[in-house]
Amino acid sequence: MAYYKDLTPYEYWNNPGHILNVGWLEEGNPFSIGYFPGREQVLGKLKSMDRGHLCKGFHRCDFCNNESGNGEYRVKGKNGKEYSSPAMIIHYIEEHLYIPPLEWIEAVLVA
């Protein structure tokens, strides 16, 4: 899987210009870790969402090599921005304590 810094323009597939990356993690690139308010609600929402874009093949977690996933979640925020996150974001939050950007968390909670 490719690494993209959070809140940078999405480049993996076609981007009409308003989609931002969140959660495209890779070993060797730092990210915030810990617990955040609304964590369980965010995980519940993600688990109930459809992955809008499925990809061929699977990606294994760079950090533990125990989990694999394919596809992306797309979430639109009240701010008019859309965010793209890999399906692995659930694993990253649960197992590696990744803390996504606040604006993405807020977008997921209102989705």
PDB file of N, CA and C in Angstrom:
ATOM      1  N   MET A   1       0.847  -1.174   0.000  1.00  0.00           N
ATOM      2  CA  MET A   1       0.000   0.000   0.000  1.00  0.00           C
ATOM      3  C   MET A   1       0.887   1.230   0.000  1.00  0.00           C
ATOM      4  N   ALA A   2       0.436   2.262  -0.611  1.00  0.00           N
ATOM      5  CA  ALA A   2       1.185   3.507  -0.679  1.00  0.00           C
ATOM      6  C   ALA A   2       1.000   4.315   0.598  1.00  0.00           C
ATOM      7  N   TYR A   3       2.011   5.079   0.951  1.00  0.00           N
ATOM      8  CA  TYR A   3       1.927   5.996   2.076  1.00  0.00           C
ATOM      9  C   TYR A   3       1.557   7.371   1.556  1.00  0.00           C
ATOM     10  N   TYR A   4       0.603   7.995   2.229  1.00  0.00           N
ATOM     11  CA  TYR A   4       0.245   9.383   1.953  1.00  0.00           C
ATOM     12  C   TYR A   4       0.061  10.087   3.286  1.00  0.00           C
ATOM     13  N   LYS A   5       0.657  11.224   3.434  1.00  0.00           N
ATOM     14  CA  LYS A   5       0.509  12.004   4.654  1.00  0.00           C
ATOM     15  C   LYS A   5      -0.950  12.437   4.802  1.00  0.00           C
ATOM     16  N   ASP A   6      -1.449  12.414   6.045  1.00  0.00           N
ATOM     17  CA  ASP A   6      -2.829  12.823   6.301  1.00  0.00           C
ATOM     18  C   ASP A   6      -3.104  14.233   5.791  1.00  0.00           C
ATOM     19  N   LEU A   7      -4.293  14.376   5.217  1.00  0.00           N
ATOM     20  CA  LEU A   7      -4.845  15.637   4.729  1.00  0.00           C
ATOM     21  C   LEU A   7      -4.111  16.217   3.532  1.00  0.00           C
ATOM     22  N   THR A   8      -3.383  15.358   2.802  1.00  0.00           N
ATOM     23  CA  THR A   8      -2.803  15.766   1.525  1.00  0.00           C
ATOM     24  C   THR A   8      -3.774  15.366   0.418  1.00  0.00           C
ATOM     25  N   PRO A   9      -3.676  15.979  -0.756  1.00  0.00           N
ATOM     26  CA  PRO A   9      -4.584  15.621  -1.843  1.00  0.00           C
ATOM     27  C   PRO A   9      -4.471  14.142  -2.221  1.00  0.00           C
ATOM     28  N   TYR A  10      -5.603  13.512  -2.374  1.00  0.00           N
ATOM     29  CA  TYR A  10      -5.695  12.103  -2.755  1.00  0.00           C
ATOM     30  C   TYR A  10      -5.167  11.920  -4.171  1.00  0.00           C
ATOM     31  N   GLU A  11      -4.310  10.913  -4.361  1.00  0.00           N
ATOM     32  CA  GLU A  11      -3.695  10.692  -5.667  1.00  0.00           C
ATOM     33  C   GLU A  11      -3.821   9.269  -6.186  1.00  0.00           C
ATOM     34  N   TYR A  12      -4.376   8.376  -5.393  1.00  0.00           N
ATOM     35  CA  TYR A  12      -4.368   6.958  -5.773  1.00  0.00           C
ATOM     36  C   TYR A  12      -5.208   6.677  -7.007  1.00  0.00           C
ATOM     37  N   TRP A  13      -6.434   7.155  -7.019  1.00  0.00           N
ATOM     38  CA  TRP A  13      -7.303   7.058  -8.187  1.00  0.00           C
ATOM     39  C   TRP A  13      -7.664   8.469  -8.603  1.00  0.00           C
ATOM     40  N   ASN A  14      -8.593   8.598  -9.506  1.00  0.00           N
ATOM     41  CA  ASN A  14      -9.022   9.905  -9.989  1.00  0.00           C
ATOM     42  C   ASN A  14      -9.526  10.771  -8.829  1.00  0.00           C
ATOM     43  N   ASN A  15      -9.064  11.999  -8.756  1.00  0.00           N
ATOM     44  CA  ASN A  15      -9.467  12.921  -7.696  1.00  0.00           C
ATOM     45  C   ASN A  15      -9.979  14.201  -8.334  1.00  0.00           C
ATOM     46  N   PRO A  16     -11.272  14.506  -8.123  1.00  0.00           N
ATOM     47  CA  PRO A  16     -11.801  15.750  -8.681  1.00  0.00           C
ATOM     48  C   PRO A  16     -11.288  17.000  -7.963  1.00  0.00           C
ATOM     49  N   GLY A  17     -10.366  16.832  -7.040  1.00  0.00           N
ATOM     50  CA  GLY A  17      -9.727  17.986  -6.428  1.00  0.00           C
ATOM     51  C   GLY A  17     -10.101  18.282  -4.996  1.00  0.00           C
ATOM     52  N   HIS A  18     -11.063  17.567  -4.443  1.00  0.00           N
ATOM     53  CA  HIS A  18     -11.481  17.888  -3.083  1.00  0.00           C
ATOM     54  C   HIS A  18     -11.339  16.699  -2.118  1.00  0.00           C
ATOM     55  N   ILE A  19     -10.748  15.621  -2.565  1.00  0.00           N
ATOM     56  CA  ILE A  19     -10.593  14.437  -1.717  1.00  0.00           C
ATOM     57  C   ILE A  19      -9.225  14.489  -1.042  1.00  0.00           C
ATOM     58  N   LEU A  20      -9.223  14.194   0.275  1.00  0.00           N
ATOM     59  CA  LEU A  20      -7.991  14.213   1.052  1.00  0.00           C
ATOM     60  C   LEU A  20      -7.682  12.832   1.618  1.00  0.00           C
ATOM     61  N   ASN A  21      -6.420  12.541   1.770  1.00  0.00           N
ATOM     62  CA  ASN A  21      -5.958  11.267   2.339  1.00  0.00           C
ATOM     63  C   ASN A  21      -6.039  11.281   3.860  1.00  0.00           C
ATOM     64  N   VAL A  22      -6.458  10.159   4.421  1.00  0.00           N
ATOM     65  CA  VAL A  22      -6.405   9.939   5.870  1.00  0.00           C
ATOM     66  C   VAL A  22      -6.144   8.469   6.124  1.00  0.00           C
ATOM     67  N   GLY A  23      -5.119   8.174   6.880  1.00  0.00           N
ATOM     68  CA  GLY A  23      -4.874   6.805   7.321  1.00  0.00           C
ATOM     69  C   GLY A  23      -4.075   5.921   6.392  1.00  0.00           C
ATOM     70  N   TRP A  24      -3.396   6.498   5.432  1.00  0.00           N
ATOM     71  CA  TRP A  24      -2.552   5.708   4.526  1.00  0.00           C
ATOM     72  C   TRP A  24      -1.174   5.582   5.176  1.00  0.00           C
ATOM     73  N   LEU A  25      -1.051   4.633   6.096  1.00  0.00           N
ATOM     74  CA  LEU A  25       0.140   4.497   6.926  1.00  0.00           C
ATOM     75  C   LEU A  25       1.131   3.503   6.348  1.00  0.00           C
ATOM     76  N   GLU A  26       2.379   3.686   6.737  1.00  0.00           N
ATOM     77  CA  GLU A  26       3.436   2.782   6.300  1.00  0.00           C
ATOM     78  C   GLU A  26       4.578   2.863   7.310  1.00  0.00           C
ATOM     79  N   GLU A  27       5.205   1.744   7.558  1.00  0.00           N
ATOM     80  CA  GLU A  27       6.319   1.702   8.494  1.00  0.00           C
ATOM     81  C   GLU A  27       7.386   2.711   8.077  1.00  0.00           C
ATOM     82  N   GLY A  28       7.946   3.379   9.067  1.00  0.00           N
ATOM     83  CA  GLY A  28       8.977   4.379   8.806  1.00  0.00           C
ATOM     84  C   GLY A  28       8.445   5.796   8.719  1.00  0.00           C
ATOM     85  N   ASN A  29       7.120   5.950   8.710  1.00  0.00           N
ATOM     86  CA  ASN A  29       6.501   7.273   8.672  1.00  0.00           C
ATOM     87  C   ASN A  29       5.706   7.464   9.961  1.00  0.00           C
ATOM     88  N   PRO A  30       5.995   8.529  10.709  1.00  0.00           N
ATOM     89  CA  PRO A  30       5.358   8.714  12.013  1.00  0.00           C
ATOM     90  C   PRO A  30       3.863   9.026  11.899  1.00  0.00           C
ATOM     91  N   PHE A  31       3.134   8.667  12.955  1.00  0.00           N
ATOM     92  CA  PHE A  31       1.721   9.015  13.073  1.00  0.00           C
ATOM     93  C   PHE A  31       1.381   9.111  14.547  1.00  0.00           C
ATOM     94  N   SER A  32       0.318   9.851  14.857  1.00  0.00           N
ATOM     95  CA  SER A  32      -0.109  10.036  16.245  1.00  0.00           C
ATOM     96  C   SER A  32      -0.732   8.755  16.768  1.00  0.00           C
ATOM     97  N   ILE A  33      -0.401   8.411  18.024  1.00  0.00           N
ATOM     98  CA  ILE A  33      -0.969   7.220  18.627  1.00  0.00           C
ATOM     99  C   ILE A  33      -1.584   7.544  19.982  1.00  0.00           C
ATOM    100  N   GLY A  34      -2.546   6.721  20.361  1.00  0.00           N
ATOM    101  CA  GLY A  34      -3.234   6.876  21.635  1.00  0.00           C
ATOM    102  C   GLY A  34      -4.711   6.595  21.452  1.00  0.00           C
ATOM    103  N   TYR A  35      -5.484   7.059  22.401  1.00  0.00           N
ATOM    104  CA  TYR A  35      -6.947   6.938  22.344  1.00  0.00           C
ATOM    105  C   TYR A  35      -7.518   8.326  22.138  1.00  0.00           C
ATOM    106  N   PHE A  36      -8.648   8.408  21.464  1.00  0.00           N
ATOM    107  CA  PHE A  36      -9.264   9.709  21.208  1.00  0.00           C
ATOM    108  C   PHE A  36     -10.750   9.645  21.554  1.00  0.00           C
ATOM    109  N   PRO A  37     -11.335  10.790  21.929  1.00  0.00           N
ATOM    110  CA  PRO A  37     -12.769  10.813  22.233  1.00  0.00           C
ATOM    111  C   PRO A  37     -13.579  10.378  21.010  1.00  0.00           C
ATOM    112  N   GLY A  38     -14.539   9.511  21.226  1.00  0.00           N
ATOM    113  CA  GLY A  38     -15.378   9.027  20.129  1.00  0.00           C
ATOM    114  C   GLY A  38     -14.799   7.834  19.393  1.00  0.00           C
ATOM    115  N   ARG A  39     -13.709   7.293  19.891  1.00  0.00           N
ATOM    116  CA  ARG A  39     -13.015   6.184  19.210  1.00  0.00           C
ATOM    117  C   ARG A  39     -13.950   5.013  18.927  1.00  0.00           C
ATOM    118  N   GLU A  40     -14.687   4.556  19.920  1.00  0.00           N
ATOM    119  CA  GLU A  40     -15.569   3.400  19.725  1.00  0.00           C
ATOM    120  C   GLU A  40     -16.697   3.717  18.748  1.00  0.00           C
ATOM    121  N   GLN A  41     -17.213   4.956  18.788  1.00  0.00           N
ATOM    122  CA  GLN A  41     -18.260   5.355  17.843  1.00  0.00           C
ATOM    123  C   GLN A  41     -17.716   5.398  16.414  1.00  0.00           C
ATOM    124  N   VAL A  42     -16.496   5.906  16.256  1.00  0.00           N
ATOM    125  CA  VAL A  42     -15.867   5.947  14.931  1.00  0.00           C
ATOM    126  C   VAL A  42     -15.690   4.529  14.395  1.00  0.00           C
ATOM    127  N   LEU A  43     -15.176   3.633  15.224  1.00  0.00           N
ATOM    128  CA  LEU A  43     -14.990   2.247  14.779  1.00  0.00           C
ATOM    129  C   LEU A  43     -16.322   1.603  14.420  1.00  0.00           C
ATOM    130  N   GLY A  44     -17.355   1.837  15.220  1.00  0.00           N
ATOM    131  CA  GLY A  44     -18.682   1.292  14.914  1.00  0.00           C
ATOM    132  C   GLY A  44     -19.226   1.810  13.592  1.00  0.00           C
ATOM    133  N   LYS A  45     -19.075   3.106  13.363  1.00  0.00           N
ATOM    134  CA  LYS A  45     -19.540   3.697  12.095  1.00  0.00           C
ATOM    135  C   LYS A  45     -18.797   3.096  10.911  1.00  0.00           C
ATOM    136  N   LEU A  46     -17.464   3.015  11.012  1.00  0.00           N
ATOM    137  CA  LEU A  46     -16.674   2.463   9.915  1.00  0.00           C
ATOM    138  C   LEU A  46     -17.087   1.025   9.607  1.00  0.00           C
ATOM    139  N   LYS A  47     -17.276   0.234  10.640  1.00  0.00           N
ATOM    140  CA  LYS A  47     -17.630  -1.175  10.443  1.00  0.00           C
ATOM    141  C   LYS A  47     -18.997  -1.344   9.803  1.00  0.00           C
ATOM    142  N   SER A  48     -19.855  -0.336   9.914  1.00  0.00           N
ATOM    143  CA  SER A  48     -21.181  -0.424   9.300  1.00  0.00           C
ATOM    144  C   SER A  48     -21.233   0.193   7.901  1.00  0.00           C
ATOM    145  N   MET A  49     -20.156   0.858   7.490  1.00  0.00           N
ATOM    146  CA  MET A  49     -20.109   1.508   6.167  1.00  0.00           C
ATOM    147  C   MET A  49     -19.715   0.528   5.076  1.00  0.00           C
ATOM    148  N   ASP A  50     -20.156   0.828   3.875  1.00  0.00           N
ATOM    149  CA  ASP A  50     -19.686   0.106   2.697  1.00  0.00           C
ATOM    150  C   ASP A  50     -18.371   0.723   2.255  1.00  0.00           C
ATOM    151  N   ARG A  51     -17.463  -0.135   1.835  1.00  0.00           N
ATOM    152  CA  ARG A  51     -16.243   0.379   1.204  1.00  0.00           C
ATOM    153  C   ARG A  51     -16.612   0.698  -0.230  1.00  0.00           C
ATOM    154  N   GLY A  52     -16.561   1.940  -0.584  1.00  0.00           N
ATOM    155  CA  GLY A  52     -17.003   2.378  -1.893  1.00  0.00           C
ATOM    156  C   GLY A  52     -16.116   1.954  -3.040  1.00  0.00           C
ATOM    157  N   HIS A  53     -14.851   1.760  -2.772  1.00  0.00           N
ATOM    158  CA  HIS A  53     -13.907   1.412  -3.822  1.00  0.00           C
ATOM    159  C   HIS A  53     -13.131   0.176  -3.397  1.00  0.00           C
ATOM    160  N   LEU A  54     -13.372  -0.934  -4.065  1.00  0.00           N
ATOM    161  CA  LEU A  54     -12.600  -2.145  -3.787  1.00  0.00           C
ATOM    162  C   LEU A  54     -11.423  -2.199  -4.747  1.00  0.00           C
ATOM    163  N   CYS A  55     -10.348  -2.772  -4.300  1.00  0.00           N
ATOM    164  CA  CYS A  55      -9.128  -2.868  -5.102  1.00  0.00           C
ATOM    165  C   CYS A  55      -8.800  -4.330  -5.354  1.00  0.00           C
ATOM    166  N   LYS A  56      -8.047  -4.579  -6.389  1.00  0.00           N
ATOM    167  CA  LYS A  56      -7.575  -5.936  -6.645  1.00  0.00           C
ATOM    168  C   LYS A  56      -6.471  -6.263  -5.656  1.00  0.00           C
ATOM    169  N   GLY A  57      -6.466  -7.483  -5.166  1.00  0.00           N
ATOM    170  CA  GLY A  57      -5.433  -7.898  -4.233  1.00  0.00           C
ATOM    171  C   GLY A  57      -5.684  -7.370  -2.838  1.00  0.00           C
ATOM    172  N   PHE A  58      -4.758  -7.676  -1.945  1.00  0.00           N
ATOM    173  CA  PHE A  58      -4.858  -7.277  -0.556  1.00  0.00           C
ATOM    174  C   PHE A  58      -3.538  -6.673  -0.105  1.00  0.00           C
ATOM    175  N   HIS A  59      -3.634  -5.826   0.904  1.00  0.00           N
ATOM    176  CA  HIS A  59      -2.449  -5.225   1.506  1.00  0.00           C
ATOM    177  C   HIS A  59      -2.275  -5.792   2.901  1.00  0.00           C
ATOM    178  N   ARG A  60      -1.074  -6.185   3.242  1.00  0.00           N
ATOM    179  CA  ARG A  60      -0.751  -6.649   4.593  1.00  0.00           C
ATOM    180  C   ARG A  60      -0.241  -5.468   5.409  1.00  0.00           C
ATOM    181  N   CYS A  61      -0.566  -5.479   6.686  1.00  0.00           N
ATOM    182  CA  CYS A  61      -0.144  -4.421   7.597  1.00  0.00           C
ATOM    183  C   CYS A  61       1.384  -4.383   7.677  1.00  0.00           C
ATOM    184  N   ASP A  62       1.966  -3.211   7.456  1.00  0.00           N
ATOM    185  CA  ASP A  62       3.422  -3.026   7.546  1.00  0.00           C
ATOM    186  C   ASP A  62       3.940  -3.170   8.974  1.00  0.00           C
ATOM    187  N   PHE A  63       3.073  -2.975   9.951  1.00  0.00           N
ATOM    188  CA  PHE A  63       3.514  -2.941  11.341  1.00  0.00           C
ATOM    189  C   PHE A  63       3.510  -4.310  12.009  1.00  0.00           C
ATOM    190  N   CYS A  64       2.546  -5.145  11.660  1.00  0.00           N
ATOM    191  CA  CYS A  64       2.462  -6.453  12.331  1.00  0.00           C
ATOM    192  C   CYS A  64       2.351  -7.623  11.362  1.00  0.00           C
ATOM    193  N   ASN A  65       2.052  -7.340  10.099  1.00  0.00           N
ATOM    194  CA  ASN A  65       1.927  -8.364   9.057  1.00  0.00           C
ATOM    195  C   ASN A  65       0.850  -9.407   9.367  1.00  0.00           C
ATOM    196  N   ASN A  66      -0.032  -9.102  10.306  1.00  0.00           N
ATOM    197  CA  ASN A  66      -1.072 -10.049  10.698  1.00  0.00           C
ATOM    198  C   ASN A  66      -2.422  -9.780  10.063  1.00  0.00           C
ATOM    199  N   GLU A  67      -2.616  -8.623   9.516  1.00  0.00           N
ATOM    200  CA  GLU A  67      -3.925  -8.229   9.006  1.00  0.00           C
ATOM    201  C   GLU A  67      -3.780  -7.793   7.561  1.00  0.00           C
ATOM    202  N   SER A  68      -4.807  -8.056   6.773  1.00  0.00           N
ATOM    203  CA  SER A  68      -4.807  -7.577   5.396  1.00  0.00           C
ATOM    204  C   SER A  68      -6.158  -6.977   5.078  1.00  0.00           C
ATOM    205  N   GLY A  69      -6.175  -6.130   4.086  1.00  0.00           N
ATOM    206  CA  GLY A  69      -7.423  -5.488   3.694  1.00  0.00           C
ATOM    207  C   GLY A  69      -7.347  -5.027   2.266  1.00  0.00           C
ATOM    208  N   ASN A  70      -8.513  -4.668   1.749  1.00  0.00           N
ATOM    209  CA  ASN A  70      -8.554  -4.113   0.404  1.00  0.00           C
ATOM    210  C   ASN A  70      -9.711  -3.137   0.328  1.00  0.00           C
ATOM    211  N   GLY A  71      -9.524  -2.116  -0.419  1.00  0.00           N
ATOM    212  CA  GLY A  71     -10.583  -1.134  -0.606  1.00  0.00           C
ATOM    213  C   GLY A  71     -10.363   0.129   0.194  1.00  0.00           C
ATOM    214  N   GLU A  72     -11.335   1.033   0.044  1.00  0.00           N
ATOM    215  CA  GLU A  72     -11.272   2.347   0.664  1.00  0.00           C
ATOM    216  C   GLU A  72     -12.626   2.739   1.230  1.00  0.00           C
ATOM    217  N   TYR A  73     -12.583   3.578   2.233  1.00  0.00           N
ATOM    218  CA  TYR A  73     -13.778   4.249   2.738  1.00  0.00           C
ATOM    219  C   TYR A  73     -13.728   5.686   2.250  1.00  0.00           C
ATOM    220  N   ARG A  74     -14.879   6.206   1.865  1.00  0.00           N
ATOM    221  CA  ARG A  74     -14.993   7.620   1.502  1.00  0.00           C
ATOM    222  C   ARG A  74     -15.997   8.251   2.469  1.00  0.00           C
ATOM    223  N   VAL A  75     -15.591   9.353   3.050  1.00  0.00           N
ATOM    224  CA  VAL A  75     -16.432  10.060   4.010  1.00  0.00           C
ATOM    225  C   VAL A  75     -16.460  11.534   3.630  1.00  0.00           C
ATOM    226  N   LYS A  76     -17.653  12.132   3.630  1.00  0.00           N
ATOM    227  CA  LYS A  76     -17.788  13.561   3.360  1.00  0.00           C
ATOM    228  C   LYS A  76     -18.034  14.295   4.662  1.00  0.00           C
ATOM    229  N   GLY A  77     -17.320  15.400   4.847  1.00  0.00           N
ATOM    230  CA  GLY A  77     -17.464  16.207   6.046  1.00  0.00           C
ATOM    231  C   GLY A  77     -18.395  17.383   5.820  1.00  0.00           C
ATOM    232  N   LYS A  78     -18.822  17.988   6.912  1.00  0.00           N
ATOM    233  CA  LYS A  78     -19.671  19.182   6.840  1.00  0.00           C
ATOM    234  C   LYS A  78     -18.941  20.340   6.171  1.00  0.00           C
ATOM    235  N   ASN A  79     -17.615  20.272   6.200  1.00  0.00           N
ATOM    236  CA  ASN A  79     -16.798  21.325   5.614  1.00  0.00           C
ATOM    237  C   ASN A  79     -16.731  21.232   4.086  1.00  0.00           C
ATOM    238  N   GLY A  80     -17.441  20.262   3.498  1.00  0.00           N
ATOM    239  CA  GLY A  80     -17.452  20.080   2.050  1.00  0.00           C
ATOM    240  C   GLY A  80     -16.315  19.235   1.527  1.00  0.00           C
ATOM    241  N   LYS A  81     -15.399  18.856   2.397  1.00  0.00           N
ATOM    242  CA  LYS A  81     -14.276  18.019   1.979  1.00  0.00           C
ATOM    243  C   LYS A  81     -14.680  16.555   2.019  1.00  0.00           C
ATOM    244  N   GLU A  82     -14.039  15.779   1.168  1.00  0.00           N
ATOM    245  CA  GLU A  82     -14.229  14.332   1.167  1.00  0.00           C
ATOM    246  C   GLU A  82     -12.889  13.695   1.512  1.00  0.00           C
ATOM    247  N   TYR A  83     -12.954  12.607   2.269  1.00  0.00           N
ATOM    248  CA  TYR A  83     -11.749  11.937   2.730  1.00  0.00           C
ATOM    249  C   TYR A  83     -11.736  10.504   2.227  1.00  0.00           C
ATOM    250  N   SER A  84     -10.561  10.044   1.839  1.00  0.00           N
ATOM    251  CA  SER A  84     -10.364   8.664   1.422  1.00  0.00           C
ATOM    252  C   SER A  84      -9.436   7.996   2.415  1.00  0.00           C
ATOM    253  N   SER A  85      -9.865   6.834   2.907  1.00  0.00           N
ATOM    254  CA  SER A  85      -9.073   6.068   3.868  1.00  0.00           C
ATOM    255  C   SER A  85      -9.039   4.618   3.438  1.00  0.00           C
ATOM    256  N   PRO A  86      -7.923   3.947   3.644  1.00  0.00           N
ATOM    257  CA  PRO A  86      -7.860   2.525   3.300  1.00  0.00           C
ATOM    258  C   PRO A  86      -8.734   1.707   4.252  1.00  0.00           C
ATOM    259  N   ALA A  87      -9.209   0.573   3.790  1.00  0.00           N
ATOM    260  CA  ALA A  87      -9.984  -0.315   4.651  1.00  0.00           C
ATOM    261  C   ALA A  87      -9.193  -0.699   5.892  1.00  0.00           C
ATOM    262  N   MET A  88      -7.886  -0.683   5.808  1.00  0.00           N
ATOM    263  CA  MET A  88      -7.014  -1.027   6.929  1.00  0.00           C
ATOM    264  C   MET A  88      -7.087  -0.011   8.074  1.00  0.00           C
ATOM    265  N   ILE A  89      -7.761   1.119   7.877  1.00  0.00           N
ATOM    266  CA  ILE A  89      -7.805   2.125   8.930  1.00  0.00           C
ATOM    267  C   ILE A  89      -8.426   1.582  10.208  1.00  0.00           C
ATOM    268  N   ILE A  90      -9.383   0.667  10.089  1.00  0.00           N
ATOM    269  CA  ILE A  90      -9.974   0.058  11.283  1.00  0.00           C
ATOM    270  C   ILE A  90      -8.893  -0.676  12.073  1.00  0.00           C
ATOM    271  N   HIS A  91      -8.112  -1.469  11.400  1.00  0.00           N
ATOM    272  CA  HIS A  91      -7.010  -2.195  12.042  1.00  0.00           C
ATOM    273  C   HIS A  91      -6.011  -1.225  12.664  1.00  0.00           C
ATOM    274  N   TYR A  92      -5.668  -0.168  11.948  1.00  0.00           N
ATOM    275  CA  TYR A  92      -4.700   0.795  12.457  1.00  0.00           C
ATOM    276  C   TYR A  92      -5.191   1.465  13.743  1.00  0.00           C
ATOM    277  N   ILE A  93      -6.474   1.795  13.794  1.00  0.00           N
ATOM    278  CA  ILE A  93      -7.041   2.419  14.996  1.00  0.00           C
ATOM    279  C   ILE A  93      -7.117   1.414  16.141  1.00  0.00           C
ATOM    280  N   GLU A  94      -7.607   0.208  15.852  1.00  0.00           N
ATOM    281  CA  GLU A  94      -7.781  -0.795  16.904  1.00  0.00           C
ATOM    282  C   GLU A  94      -6.461  -1.347  17.431  1.00  0.00           C
ATOM    283  N   GLU A  95      -5.588  -1.728  16.556  1.00  0.00           N
ATOM    284  CA  GLU A  95      -4.382  -2.464  16.958  1.00  0.00           C
ATOM    285  C   GLU A  95      -3.128  -1.615  17.118  1.00  0.00           C
ATOM    286  N   HIS A  96      -3.056  -0.529  16.391  1.00  0.00           N
ATOM    287  CA  HIS A  96      -1.842   0.291  16.429  1.00  0.00           C
ATOM    288  C   HIS A  96      -2.106   1.684  16.998  1.00  0.00           C
ATOM    289  N   LEU A  97      -3.339   1.882  17.502  1.00  0.00           N
ATOM    290  CA  LEU A  97      -3.745   3.096  18.216  1.00  0.00           C
ATOM    291  C   LEU A  97      -3.554   4.379  17.410  1.00  0.00           C
ATOM    292  N   TYR A  98      -3.722   4.266  16.102  1.00  0.00           N
ATOM    293  CA  TYR A  98      -3.632   5.436  15.222  1.00  0.00           C
ATOM    294  C   TYR A  98      -4.718   6.445  15.589  1.00  0.00           C
ATOM    295  N   ILE A  99      -4.334   7.706  15.672  1.00  0.00           N
ATOM    296  CA  ILE A  99      -5.286   8.794  15.889  1.00  0.00           C
ATOM    297  C   ILE A  99      -5.410   9.586  14.592  1.00  0.00           C
ATOM    298  N   PRO A 100      -6.537   9.468  13.904  1.00  0.00           N
ATOM    299  CA  PRO A 100      -6.745  10.235  12.664  1.00  0.00           C
ATOM    300  C   PRO A 100      -6.959  11.723  12.976  1.00  0.00           C
ATOM    301  N   PRO A 101      -6.887  12.576  11.956  1.00  0.00           N
ATOM    302  CA  PRO A 101      -7.132  14.003  12.151  1.00  0.00           C
ATOM    303  C   PRO A 101      -8.556  14.258  12.674  1.00  0.00           C
ATOM    304  N   LEU A 102      -8.693  15.278  13.501  1.00  0.00           N
ATOM    305  CA  LEU A 102      -9.982  15.606  14.111  1.00  0.00           C
ATOM    306  C   LEU A 102     -11.069  15.851  13.067  1.00  0.00           C
ATOM    307  N   GLU A 103     -10.755  16.535  11.987  1.00  0.00           N
ATOM    308  CA  GLU A 103     -11.796  16.829  10.988  1.00  0.00           C
ATOM    309  C   GLU A 103     -12.330  15.542  10.343  1.00  0.00           C
ATOM    310  N   TRP A 104     -11.489  14.521  10.198  1.00  0.00           N
ATOM    311  CA  TRP A 104     -11.939  13.234   9.670  1.00  0.00           C
ATOM    312  C   TRP A 104     -12.806  12.526  10.699  1.00  0.00           C
ATOM    313  N   ILE A 105     -12.392  12.556  11.962  1.00  0.00           N
ATOM    314  CA  ILE A 105     -13.185  11.939  13.034  1.00  0.00           C
ATOM    315  C   ILE A 105     -14.582  12.559  13.056  1.00  0.00           C
ATOM    316  N   GLU A 106     -14.657  13.871  12.986  1.00  0.00           N
ATOM    317  CA  GLU A 106     -15.948  14.561  12.982  1.00  0.00           C
ATOM    318  C   GLU A 106     -16.786  14.166  11.768  1.00  0.00           C
ATOM    319  N   ALA A 107     -16.154  14.032  10.614  1.00  0.00           N
ATOM    320  CA  ALA A 107     -16.874  13.631   9.397  1.00  0.00           C
ATOM    321  C   ALA A 107     -17.454  12.225   9.538  1.00  0.00           C
ATOM    322  N   VAL A 108     -16.680  11.303  10.096  1.00  0.00           N
ATOM    323  CA  VAL A 108     -17.166   9.940  10.294  1.00  0.00           C
ATOM    324  C   VAL A 108     -18.334   9.921  11.265  1.00  0.00           C
ATOM    325  N   LEU A 109     -18.256  10.682  12.320  1.00  0.00           N
ATOM    326  CA  LEU A 109     -19.308  10.677  13.337  1.00  0.00           C
ATOM    327  C   LEU A 109     -20.634  11.231  12.831  1.00  0.00           C
ATOM    328  N   VAL A 110     -20.607  12.091  11.809  1.00  0.00           N
ATOM    329  CA  VAL A 110     -21.858  12.621  11.259  1.00  0.00           C
ATOM    330  C   VAL A 110     -22.286  11.900   9.985  1.00  0.00           C
ATOM    331  N   ALA A 111     -21.482  10.960   9.534  1.00  0.00           N
ATOM    332  CA  ALA A 111     -21.804  10.232   8.287  1.00  0.00           C
ATOM    333  C   ALA A 111     -23.026   9.349   8.493  1.00  0.00           C
TER     334      ALA A 111
END
